[in-house]
Amino acid sequence: LPPPLDLDAFEDTDCLEDAGAALLLELMDELCQTVEDFLRFPGDANAQENFRGWRRERSAHLVQLSGSVFHKPFCEPGKVAGTAAMCLLLLGDPNDEAAV
């Protein structure tokens, strides 16, 4: 029989070693907080503007860091989180293409 598979090689935290990982996690946390307010108070103009402002100012950084941090093999949880973040960026005004 072959030896058991060494599961340490498949550690999901591999992508956390990337230099941009801490900033990416901070950006994703900010996005989640902003989206939470946006969804909780859909008629609130302030929550809508905060979301649109965050998206305009930070989404390019989030997209760029997601690509560089999650490109490694075995970062599947991060890849799923990055994809979910991209979907959240599409919330709001679908005509605001410049923000995404």
PDB file of N, CA and C in Angstrom:
ATOM      1  N   LEU A   1       0.836  -1.194   0.000  1.00  0.00           N
ATOM      2  CA  LEU A   1       0.000   0.000   0.000  1.00  0.00           C
ATOM      3  C   LEU A   1       0.874   1.249   0.000  1.00  0.00           C
ATOM      4  N   PRO A   2       0.408   2.288  -0.676  1.00  0.00           N
ATOM      5  CA  PRO A   2       1.170   3.539  -0.636  1.00  0.00           C
ATOM      6  C   PRO A   2       1.050   4.185   0.742  1.00  0.00           C
ATOM      7  N   PRO A   3       2.010   5.023   1.092  1.00  0.00           N
ATOM      8  CA  PRO A   3       1.933   5.695   2.397  1.00  0.00           C
ATOM      9  C   PRO A   3       0.743   6.665   2.417  1.00  0.00           C
ATOM     10  N   PRO A   4       0.241   6.969   3.592  1.00  0.00           N
ATOM     11  CA  PRO A   4      -0.882   7.914   3.685  1.00  0.00           C
ATOM     12  C   PRO A   4      -0.487   9.281   3.116  1.00  0.00           C
ATOM     13  N   LEU A   5      -1.448   9.950   2.565  1.00  0.00           N
ATOM     14  CA  LEU A   5      -1.221  11.264   1.982  1.00  0.00           C
ATOM     15  C   LEU A   5      -0.908  12.275   3.077  1.00  0.00           C
ATOM     16  N   ASP A   6       0.162  13.026   2.891  1.00  0.00           N
ATOM     17  CA  ASP A   6       0.538  14.067   3.845  1.00  0.00           C
ATOM     18  C   ASP A   6      -0.367  15.273   3.630  1.00  0.00           C
ATOM     19  N   LEU A   7      -1.313  15.486   4.517  1.00  0.00           N
ATOM     20  CA  LEU A   7      -2.290  16.562   4.352  1.00  0.00           C
ATOM     21  C   LEU A   7      -1.728  17.940   4.676  1.00  0.00           C
ATOM     22  N   ASP A   8      -0.546  18.007   5.287  1.00  0.00           N
ATOM     23  CA  ASP A   8       0.052  19.314   5.565  1.00  0.00           C
ATOM     24  C   ASP A   8       0.323  20.085   4.276  1.00  0.00           C
ATOM     25  N   ALA A   9       0.545  19.391   3.187  1.00  0.00           N
ATOM     26  CA  ALA A   9       0.795  20.052   1.907  1.00  0.00           C
ATOM     27  C   ALA A   9      -0.451  20.756   1.389  1.00  0.00           C
ATOM     28  N   PHE A  10      -1.611  20.433   1.930  1.00  0.00           N
ATOM     29  CA  PHE A  10      -2.866  21.003   1.475  1.00  0.00           C
ATOM     30  C   PHE A  10      -3.414  22.025   2.468  1.00  0.00           C
ATOM     31  N   GLU A  11      -2.569  22.573   3.282  1.00  0.00           N
ATOM     32  CA  GLU A  11      -2.989  23.524   4.309  1.00  0.00           C
ATOM     33  C   GLU A  11      -3.653  24.736   3.674  1.00  0.00           C
ATOM     34  N   ASP A  12      -4.851  25.069   4.143  1.00  0.00           N
ATOM     35  CA  ASP A  12      -5.615  26.189   3.587  1.00  0.00           C
ATOM     36  C   ASP A  12      -5.022  27.555   3.913  1.00  0.00           C
ATOM     37  N   THR A  13      -4.072  27.610   4.820  1.00  0.00           N
ATOM     38  CA  THR A  13      -3.505  28.892   5.215  1.00  0.00           C
ATOM     39  C   THR A  13      -2.301  29.282   4.369  1.00  0.00           C
ATOM     40  N   ASP A  14      -1.994  28.518   3.329  1.00  0.00           N
ATOM     41  CA  ASP A  14      -0.829  28.831   2.495  1.00  0.00           C
ATOM     42  C   ASP A  14      -0.873  30.255   1.967  1.00  0.00           C
ATOM     43  N   CYS A  15      -2.039  30.723   1.577  1.00  0.00           N
ATOM     44  CA  CYS A  15      -2.135  32.050   0.969  1.00  0.00           C
ATOM     45  C   CYS A  15      -1.976  33.164   2.005  1.00  0.00           C
ATOM     46  N   LEU A  16      -2.100  32.848   3.292  1.00  0.00           N
ATOM     47  CA  LEU A  16      -1.927  33.874   4.320  1.00  0.00           C
ATOM     48  C   LEU A  16      -0.476  34.307   4.451  1.00  0.00           C
ATOM     49  N   GLU A  17       0.439  33.535   3.889  1.00  0.00           N
ATOM     50  CA  GLU A  17       1.854  33.888   3.946  1.00  0.00           C
ATOM     51  C   GLU A  17       2.212  34.980   2.942  1.00  0.00           C
ATOM     52  N   ASP A  18       1.324  35.274   2.005  1.00  0.00           N
ATOM     53  CA  ASP A  18       1.562  36.305   0.999  1.00  0.00           C
ATOM     54  C   ASP A  18       1.654  37.678   1.680  1.00  0.00           C
ATOM     55  N   ALA A  19       2.514  38.530   1.159  1.00  0.00           N
ATOM     56  CA  ALA A  19       2.732  39.854   1.751  1.00  0.00           C
ATOM     57  C   ALA A  19       1.474  40.721   1.746  1.00  0.00           C
ATOM     58  N   GLY A  20       0.577  40.521   0.796  1.00  0.00           N
ATOM     59  CA  GLY A  20      -0.632  41.339   0.716  1.00  0.00           C
ATOM     60  C   GLY A  20      -1.822  40.764   1.449  1.00  0.00           C
ATOM     61  N   ALA A  21      -1.656  39.619   2.103  1.00  0.00           N
ATOM     62  CA  ALA A  21      -2.782  38.936   2.733  1.00  0.00           C
ATOM     63  C   ALA A  21      -3.436  39.765   3.839  1.00  0.00           C
ATOM     64  N   ALA A  22      -2.649  40.402   4.681  1.00  0.00           N
ATOM     65  CA  ALA A  22      -3.218  41.173   5.796  1.00  0.00           C
ATOM     66  C   ALA A  22      -4.065  42.337   5.276  1.00  0.00           C
ATOM     67  N   LEU A  23      -3.559  43.042   4.281  1.00  0.00           N
ATOM     68  CA  LEU A  23      -4.322  44.150   3.705  1.00  0.00           C
ATOM     69  C   LEU A  23      -5.586  43.642   3.028  1.00  0.00           C
ATOM     70  N   LEU A  24      -5.486  42.525   2.327  1.00  0.00           N
ATOM     71  CA  LEU A  24      -6.653  41.955   1.667  1.00  0.00           C
ATOM     72  C   LEU A  24      -7.724  41.578   2.688  1.00  0.00           C
ATOM     73  N   LEU A  25      -7.328  40.968   3.784  1.00  0.00           N
ATOM     74  CA  LEU A  25      -8.292  40.609   4.826  1.00  0.00           C
ATOM     75  C   LEU A  25      -8.949  41.854   5.404  1.00  0.00           C
ATOM     76  N   GLU A  26      -8.183  42.914   5.583  1.00  0.00           N
ATOM     77  CA  GLU A  26      -8.742  44.167   6.093  1.00  0.00           C
ATOM     78  C   GLU A  26      -9.745  44.755   5.105  1.00  0.00           C
ATOM     79  N   LEU A  27      -9.407  44.740   3.821  1.00  0.00           N
ATOM     80  CA  LEU A  27     -10.329  45.251   2.802  1.00  0.00           C
ATOM     81  C   LEU A  27     -11.609  44.425   2.745  1.00  0.00           C
ATOM     82  N   MET A  28     -11.482  43.117   2.849  1.00  0.00           N
ATOM     83  CA  MET A  28     -12.668  42.260   2.817  1.00  0.00           C
ATOM     84  C   MET A  28     -13.541  42.501   4.041  1.00  0.00           C
ATOM     85  N   ASP A  29     -12.925  42.743   5.190  1.00  0.00           N
ATOM     86  CA  ASP A  29     -13.676  43.052   6.398  1.00  0.00           C
ATOM     87  C   ASP A  29     -14.423  44.379   6.237  1.00  0.00           C
ATOM     88  N   GLU A  30     -13.745  45.396   5.696  1.00  0.00           N
ATOM     89  CA  GLU A  30     -14.398  46.689   5.444  1.00  0.00           C
ATOM     90  C   GLU A  30     -15.580  46.525   4.501  1.00  0.00           C
ATOM     91  N   LEU A  31     -15.363  45.750   3.433  1.00  0.00           N
ATOM     92  CA  LEU A  31     -16.434  45.523   2.468  1.00  0.00           C
ATOM     93  C   LEU A  31     -17.633  44.870   3.144  1.00  0.00           C
ATOM     94  N   CYS A  32     -17.390  43.864   3.960  1.00  0.00           N
ATOM     95  CA  CYS A  32     -18.494  43.172   4.637  1.00  0.00           C
ATOM     96  C   CYS A  32     -19.269  44.121   5.549  1.00  0.00           C
ATOM     97  N   GLN A  33     -18.576  44.972   6.271  1.00  0.00           N
ATOM     98  CA  GLN A  33     -19.256  45.925   7.154  1.00  0.00           C
ATOM     99  C   GLN A  33     -20.081  46.923   6.348  1.00  0.00           C
ATOM    100  N   THR A  34     -19.528  47.392   5.249  1.00  0.00           N
ATOM    101  CA  THR A  34     -20.226  48.350   4.401  1.00  0.00           C
ATOM    102  C   THR A  34     -21.455  47.709   3.752  1.00  0.00           C
ATOM    103  N   VAL A  35     -21.297  46.492   3.264  1.00  0.00           N
ATOM    104  CA  VAL A  35     -22.416  45.779   2.632  1.00  0.00           C
ATOM    105  C   VAL A  35     -23.493  45.467   3.662  1.00  0.00           C
ATOM    106  N   GLU A  36     -23.084  45.122   4.878  1.00  0.00           N
ATOM    107  CA  GLU A  36     -24.067  44.828   5.919  1.00  0.00           C
ATOM    108  C   GLU A  36     -24.979  46.035   6.154  1.00  0.00           C
ATOM    109  N   ASP A  37     -24.405  47.214   6.273  1.00  0.00           N
ATOM    110  CA  ASP A  37     -25.215  48.423   6.451  1.00  0.00           C
ATOM    111  C   ASP A  37     -26.080  48.691   5.224  1.00  0.00           C
ATOM    112  N   PHE A  38     -25.508  48.487   4.040  1.00  0.00           N
ATOM    113  CA  PHE A  38     -26.221  48.712   2.786  1.00  0.00           C
ATOM    114  C   PHE A  38     -27.451  47.809   2.694  1.00  0.00           C
ATOM    115  N   LEU A  39     -27.299  46.554   3.094  1.00  0.00           N
ATOM    116  CA  LEU A  39     -28.410  45.606   3.019  1.00  0.00           C
ATOM    117  C   LEU A  39     -29.395  45.765   4.159  1.00  0.00           C
ATOM    118  N   ARG A  40     -28.910  46.140   5.329  1.00  0.00           N
ATOM    119  CA  ARG A  40     -29.790  46.307   6.489  1.00  0.00           C
ATOM    120  C   ARG A  40     -30.670  47.537   6.351  1.00  0.00           C
ATOM    121  N   PHE A  41     -30.132  48.582   5.743  1.00  0.00           N
ATOM    122  CA  PHE A  41     -30.872  49.840   5.601  1.00  0.00           C
ATOM    123  C   PHE A  41     -30.935  50.224   4.119  1.00  0.00           C
ATOM    124  N   PRO A  42     -31.692  49.470   3.309  1.00  0.00           N
ATOM    125  CA  PRO A  42     -31.675  49.686   1.854  1.00  0.00           C
ATOM    126  C   PRO A  42     -32.160  51.071   1.417  1.00  0.00           C
ATOM    127  N   GLY A  43     -32.995  51.712   2.199  1.00  0.00           N
ATOM    128  CA  GLY A  43     -33.487  53.034   1.824  1.00  0.00           C
ATOM    129  C   GLY A  43     -32.647  54.173   2.367  1.00  0.00           C
ATOM    130  N   ASP A  44     -31.635  53.859   3.129  1.00  0.00           N
ATOM    131  CA  ASP A  44     -30.793  54.880   3.763  1.00  0.00           C
ATOM    132  C   ASP A  44     -29.773  55.413   2.757  1.00  0.00           C
ATOM    133  N   ALA A  45     -29.919  56.677   2.399  1.00  0.00           N
ATOM    134  CA  ALA A  45     -29.020  57.288   1.412  1.00  0.00           C
ATOM    135  C   ALA A  45     -27.576  57.278   1.893  1.00  0.00           C
ATOM    136  N   ASN A  46     -27.354  57.428   3.194  1.00  0.00           N
ATOM    137  CA  ASN A  46     -25.993  57.429   3.739  1.00  0.00           C
ATOM    138  C   ASN A  46     -25.345  56.056   3.573  1.00  0.00           C
ATOM    139  N   ALA A  47     -26.096  54.992   3.854  1.00  0.00           N
ATOM    140  CA  ALA A  47     -25.563  53.634   3.693  1.00  0.00           C
ATOM    141  C   ALA A  47     -25.266  53.352   2.223  1.00  0.00           C
ATOM    142  N   GLN A  48     -26.134  53.821   1.340  1.00  0.00           N
ATOM    143  CA  GLN A  48     -25.910  53.630  -0.096  1.00  0.00           C
ATOM    144  C   GLN A  48     -24.666  54.373  -0.565  1.00  0.00           C
ATOM    145  N   GLU A  49     -24.505  55.603  -0.114  1.00  0.00           N
ATOM    146  CA  GLU A  49     -23.339  56.392  -0.525  1.00  0.00           C
ATOM    147  C   GLU A  49     -22.055  55.822   0.062  1.00  0.00           C
ATOM    148  N   ASN A  50     -22.112  55.338   1.295  1.00  0.00           N
ATOM    149  CA  ASN A  50     -20.929  54.707   1.897  1.00  0.00           C
ATOM    150  C   ASN A  50     -20.492  53.495   1.082  1.00  0.00           C
ATOM    151  N   PHE A  51     -21.466  52.693   0.660  1.00  0.00           N
ATOM    152  CA  PHE A  51     -21.148  51.524  -0.153  1.00  0.00           C
ATOM    153  C   PHE A  51     -20.562  51.944  -1.500  1.00  0.00           C
ATOM    154  N   ARG A  52     -21.212  52.881  -2.168  1.00  0.00           N
ATOM    155  CA  ARG A  52     -20.712  53.338  -3.471  1.00  0.00           C
ATOM    156  C   ARG A  52     -19.323  53.964  -3.336  1.00  0.00           C
ATOM    157  N   GLY A  53     -19.125  54.741  -2.287  1.00  0.00           N
ATOM    158  CA  GLY A  53     -17.812  55.352  -2.059  1.00  0.00           C
ATOM    159  C   GLY A  53     -16.742  54.313  -1.803  1.00  0.00           C
ATOM    160  N   TRP A  54     -17.056  53.325  -0.964  1.00  0.00           N
ATOM    161  CA  TRP A  54     -16.076  52.268  -0.700  1.00  0.00           C
ATOM    162  C   TRP A  54     -15.754  51.541  -1.999  1.00  0.00           C
ATOM    163  N   ARG A  55     -16.770  51.246  -2.761  1.00  0.00           N
ATOM    164  CA  ARG A  55     -16.579  50.510  -4.013  1.00  0.00           C
ATOM    165  C   ARG A  55     -15.705  51.311  -4.983  1.00  0.00           C
ATOM    166  N   ARG A  56     -15.941  52.603  -5.085  1.00  0.00           N
ATOM    167  CA  ARG A  56     -15.131  53.444  -5.982  1.00  0.00           C
ATOM    168  C   ARG A  56     -13.683  53.534  -5.525  1.00  0.00           C
ATOM    169  N   GLU A  57     -13.487  53.688  -4.234  1.00  0.00           N
ATOM    170  CA  GLU A  57     -12.144  53.938  -3.705  1.00  0.00           C
ATOM    171  C   GLU A  57     -11.320  52.676  -3.461  1.00  0.00           C
ATOM    172  N   ARG A  58     -11.965  51.555  -3.171  1.00  0.00           N
ATOM    173  CA  ARG A  58     -11.213  50.392  -2.703  1.00  0.00           C
ATOM    174  C   ARG A  58     -11.346  49.139  -3.558  1.00  0.00           C
ATOM    175  N   SER A  59     -12.358  49.070  -4.415  1.00  0.00           N
ATOM    176  CA  SER A  59     -12.603  47.801  -5.118  1.00  0.00           C
ATOM    177  C   SER A  59     -11.426  47.397  -6.004  1.00  0.00           C
ATOM    178  N   ALA A  60     -10.762  48.354  -6.641  1.00  0.00           N
ATOM    179  CA  ALA A  60      -9.620  48.001  -7.495  1.00  0.00           C
ATOM    180  C   ALA A  60      -8.512  47.343  -6.675  1.00  0.00           C
ATOM    181  N   HIS A  61      -8.288  47.841  -5.459  1.00  0.00           N
ATOM    182  CA  HIS A  61      -7.267  47.242  -4.592  1.00  0.00           C
ATOM    183  C   HIS A  61      -7.669  45.823  -4.196  1.00  0.00           C
ATOM    184  N   LEU A  62      -8.938  45.647  -3.866  1.00  0.00           N
ATOM    185  CA  LEU A  62      -9.416  44.327  -3.480  1.00  0.00           C
ATOM    186  C   LEU A  62      -9.269  43.339  -4.626  1.00  0.00           C
ATOM    187  N   VAL A  63      -9.636  43.743  -5.826  1.00  0.00           N
ATOM    188  CA  VAL A  63      -9.530  42.860  -6.990  1.00  0.00           C
ATOM    189  C   VAL A  63      -8.071  42.507  -7.263  1.00  0.00           C
ATOM    190  N   GLN A  64      -7.207  43.501  -7.219  1.00  0.00           N
ATOM    191  CA  GLN A  64      -5.785  43.264  -7.494  1.00  0.00           C
ATOM    192  C   GLN A  64      -5.163  42.337  -6.445  1.00  0.00           C
ATOM    193  N   LEU A  65      -5.437  42.606  -5.181  1.00  0.00           N
ATOM    194  CA  LEU A  65      -4.870  41.771  -4.120  1.00  0.00           C
ATOM    195  C   LEU A  65      -5.444  40.359  -4.147  1.00  0.00           C
ATOM    196  N   SER A  66      -6.719  40.219  -4.469  1.00  0.00           N
ATOM    197  CA  SER A  66      -7.319  38.882  -4.554  1.00  0.00           C
ATOM    198  C   SER A  66      -6.583  38.046  -5.582  1.00  0.00           C
ATOM    199  N   GLY A  67      -6.293  38.648  -6.720  1.00  0.00           N
ATOM    200  CA  GLY A  67      -5.583  37.924  -7.768  1.00  0.00           C
ATOM    201  C   GLY A  67      -4.185  37.519  -7.360  1.00  0.00           C
ATOM    202  N   SER A  68      -3.490  38.396  -6.649  1.00  0.00           N
ATOM    203  CA  SER A  68      -2.105  38.072  -6.285  1.00  0.00           C
ATOM    204  C   SER A  68      -2.012  37.157  -5.068  1.00  0.00           C
ATOM    205  N   VAL A  69      -2.926  37.282  -4.122  1.00  0.00           N
ATOM    206  CA  VAL A  69      -2.859  36.460  -2.905  1.00  0.00           C
ATOM    207  C   VAL A  69      -3.427  35.063  -3.145  1.00  0.00           C
ATOM    208  N   PHE A  70      -4.518  34.965  -3.886  1.00  0.00           N
ATOM    209  CA  PHE A  70      -5.210  33.689  -4.039  1.00  0.00           C
ATOM    210  C   PHE A  70      -4.783  32.895  -5.266  1.00  0.00           C
ATOM    211  N   HIS A  71      -3.709  33.290  -5.928  1.00  0.00           N
ATOM    212  CA  HIS A  71      -3.279  32.576  -7.130  1.00  0.00           C
ATOM    213  C   HIS A  71      -2.611  31.234  -6.819  1.00  0.00           C
ATOM    214  N   LYS A  72      -2.198  31.041  -5.594  1.00  0.00           N
ATOM    215  CA  LYS A  72      -1.471  29.828  -5.223  1.00  0.00           C
ATOM    216  C   LYS A  72      -2.423  28.627  -5.165  1.00  0.00           C
ATOM    217  N   PRO A  73      -1.870  27.438  -5.339  1.00  0.00           N
ATOM    218  CA  PRO A  73      -2.715  26.252  -5.174  1.00  0.00           C
ATOM    219  C   PRO A  73      -3.116  26.099  -3.705  1.00  0.00           C
ATOM    220  N   PHE A  74      -4.217  25.474  -3.486  1.00  0.00           N
ATOM    221  CA  PHE A  74      -4.721  25.151  -2.150  1.00  0.00           C
ATOM    222  C   PHE A  74      -5.187  26.369  -1.368  1.00  0.00           C
ATOM    223  N   CYS A  75      -5.535  27.439  -2.040  1.00  0.00           N
ATOM    224  CA  CYS A  75      -6.130  28.607  -1.382  1.00  0.00           C
ATOM    225  C   CYS A  75      -7.625  28.652  -1.687  1.00  0.00           C
ATOM    226  N   GLU A  76      -8.232  27.490  -1.843  1.00  0.00           N
ATOM    227  CA  GLU A  76      -9.628  27.433  -2.260  1.00  0.00           C
ATOM    228  C   GLU A  76     -10.578  28.219  -1.355  1.00  0.00           C
ATOM    229  N   PRO A  77     -10.449  28.157  -0.039  1.00  0.00           N
ATOM    230  CA  PRO A  77     -11.354  28.981   0.785  1.00  0.00           C
ATOM    231  C   PRO A  77     -11.207  30.476   0.461  1.00  0.00           C
ATOM    232  N   GLY A  78      -9.987  30.910   0.233  1.00  0.00           N
ATOM    233  CA  GLY A  78      -9.763  32.307  -0.138  1.00  0.00           C
ATOM    234  C   GLY A  78     -10.322  32.629  -1.506  1.00  0.00           C
ATOM    235  N   LYS A  79     -10.193  31.687  -2.434  1.00  0.00           N
ATOM    236  CA  LYS A  79     -10.734  31.903  -3.778  1.00  0.00           C
ATOM    237  C   LYS A  79     -12.254  32.048  -3.730  1.00  0.00           C
ATOM    238  N   VAL A  80     -12.897  31.244  -2.897  1.00  0.00           N
ATOM    239  CA  VAL A  80     -14.353  31.344  -2.742  1.00  0.00           C
ATOM    240  C   VAL A  80     -14.717  32.690  -2.104  1.00  0.00           C
ATOM    241  N   ALA A  81     -13.972  33.089  -1.084  1.00  0.00           N
ATOM    242  CA  ALA A  81     -14.233  34.380  -0.439  1.00  0.00           C
ATOM    243  C   ALA A  81     -14.006  35.531  -1.408  1.00  0.00           C
ATOM    244  N   GLY A  82     -12.963  35.439  -2.230  1.00  0.00           N
ATOM    245  CA  GLY A  82     -12.697  36.476  -3.226  1.00  0.00           C
ATOM    246  C   GLY A  82     -13.801  36.573  -4.255  1.00  0.00           C
ATOM    247  N   THR A  83     -14.310  35.430  -4.676  1.00  0.00           N
ATOM    248  CA  THR A  83     -15.417  35.418  -5.634  1.00  0.00           C
ATOM    249  C   THR A  83     -16.670  36.017  -5.006  1.00  0.00           C
ATOM    250  N   ALA A  84     -16.934  35.685  -3.756  1.00  0.00           N
ATOM    251  CA  ALA A  84     -18.085  36.263  -3.057  1.00  0.00           C
ATOM    252  C   ALA A  84     -17.933  37.783  -2.946  1.00  0.00           C
ATOM    253  N   ALA A  85     -16.725  38.242  -2.681  1.00  0.00           N
ATOM    254  CA  ALA A  85     -16.485  39.689  -2.602  1.00  0.00           C
ATOM    255  C   ALA A  85     -16.773  40.361  -3.947  1.00  0.00           C
ATOM    256  N   MET A  86     -16.365  39.712  -5.032  1.00  0.00           N
ATOM    257  CA  MET A  86     -16.644  40.271  -6.363  1.00  0.00           C
ATOM    258  C   MET A  86     -18.156  40.379  -6.586  1.00  0.00           C
ATOM    259  N   CYS A  87     -18.891  39.374  -6.154  1.00  0.00           N
ATOM    260  CA  CYS A  87     -20.349  39.412  -6.289  1.00  0.00           C
ATOM    261  C   CYS A  87     -20.947  40.550  -5.465  1.00  0.00           C
ATOM    262  N   LEU A  88     -20.431  40.758  -4.266  1.00  0.00           N
ATOM    263  CA  LEU A  88     -20.934  41.848  -3.428  1.00  0.00           C
ATOM    264  C   LEU A  88     -20.665  43.212  -4.053  1.00  0.00           C
ATOM    265  N   LEU A  89     -19.564  43.327  -4.780  1.00  0.00           N
ATOM    266  CA  LEU A  89     -19.255  44.597  -5.435  1.00  0.00           C
ATOM    267  C   LEU A  89     -20.279  44.947  -6.510  1.00  0.00           C
ATOM    268  N   LEU A  90     -21.010  43.955  -6.991  1.00  0.00           N
ATOM    269  CA  LEU A  90     -22.006  44.195  -8.026  1.00  0.00           C
ATOM    270  C   LEU A  90     -23.335  44.685  -7.457  1.00  0.00           C
ATOM    271  N   LEU A  91     -23.473  44.689  -6.132  1.00  0.00           N
ATOM    272  CA  LEU A  91     -24.696  45.199  -5.517  1.00  0.00           C
ATOM    273  C   LEU A  91     -24.828  46.696  -5.761  1.00  0.00           C
ATOM    274  N   GLY A  92     -25.999  47.166  -5.630  1.00  0.00           N
ATOM    275  CA  GLY A  92     -26.217  48.602  -5.793  1.00  0.00           C
ATOM    276  C   GLY A  92     -26.646  48.956  -7.174  1.00  0.00           C
ATOM    277  N   ASP A  93     -26.106  50.020  -7.703  1.00  0.00           N
ATOM    278  CA  ASP A  93     -26.496  50.530  -9.002  1.00  0.00           C
ATOM    279  C   ASP A  93     -25.782  49.743 -10.101  1.00  0.00           C
ATOM    280  N   PRO A  94     -26.507  48.929 -10.866  1.00  0.00           N
ATOM    281  CA  PRO A  94     -25.844  48.139 -11.903  1.00  0.00           C
ATOM    282  C   PRO A  94     -25.302  48.999 -13.045  1.00  0.00           C
ATOM    283  N   ASN A  95     -25.729  50.243 -13.121  1.00  0.00           N
ATOM    284  CA  ASN A  95     -25.230  51.150 -14.166  1.00  0.00           C
ATOM    285  C   ASN A  95     -23.912  51.799 -13.789  1.00  0.00           C
ATOM    286  N   ASP A  96     -23.476  51.617 -12.554  1.00  0.00           N
ATOM    287  CA  ASP A  96     -22.230  52.212 -12.076  1.00  0.00           C
ATOM    288  C   ASP A  96     -21.072  51.281 -12.401  1.00  0.00           C
ATOM    289  N   GLU A  97     -20.842  51.042 -13.702  1.00  0.00           N
ATOM    290  CA  GLU A  97     -19.830  50.084 -14.150  1.00  0.00           C
ATOM    291  C   GLU A  97     -18.417  50.524 -13.810  1.00  0.00           C
ATOM    292  N   ALA A  98     -18.183  51.800 -13.711  1.00  0.00           N
ATOM    293  CA  ALA A  98     -16.825  52.289 -13.462  1.00  0.00           C
ATOM    294  C   ALA A  98     -16.331  51.883 -12.080  1.00  0.00           C
ATOM    295  N   ALA A  99     -17.258  51.593 -11.166  1.00  0.00           N
ATOM    296  CA  ALA A  99     -16.876  51.250  -9.810  1.00  0.00           C
ATOM    297  C   ALA A  99     -16.400  49.817  -9.682  1.00  0.00           C
ATOM    298  N   VAL A 100     -16.724  48.979 -10.632  1.00  0.00           N
ATOM    299  CA  VAL A 100     -16.386  47.553 -10.500  1.00  0.00           C
ATOM    300  C   VAL A 100     -15.202  47.208 -11.369  1.00  0.00           C
TER     301      VAL A 100
END
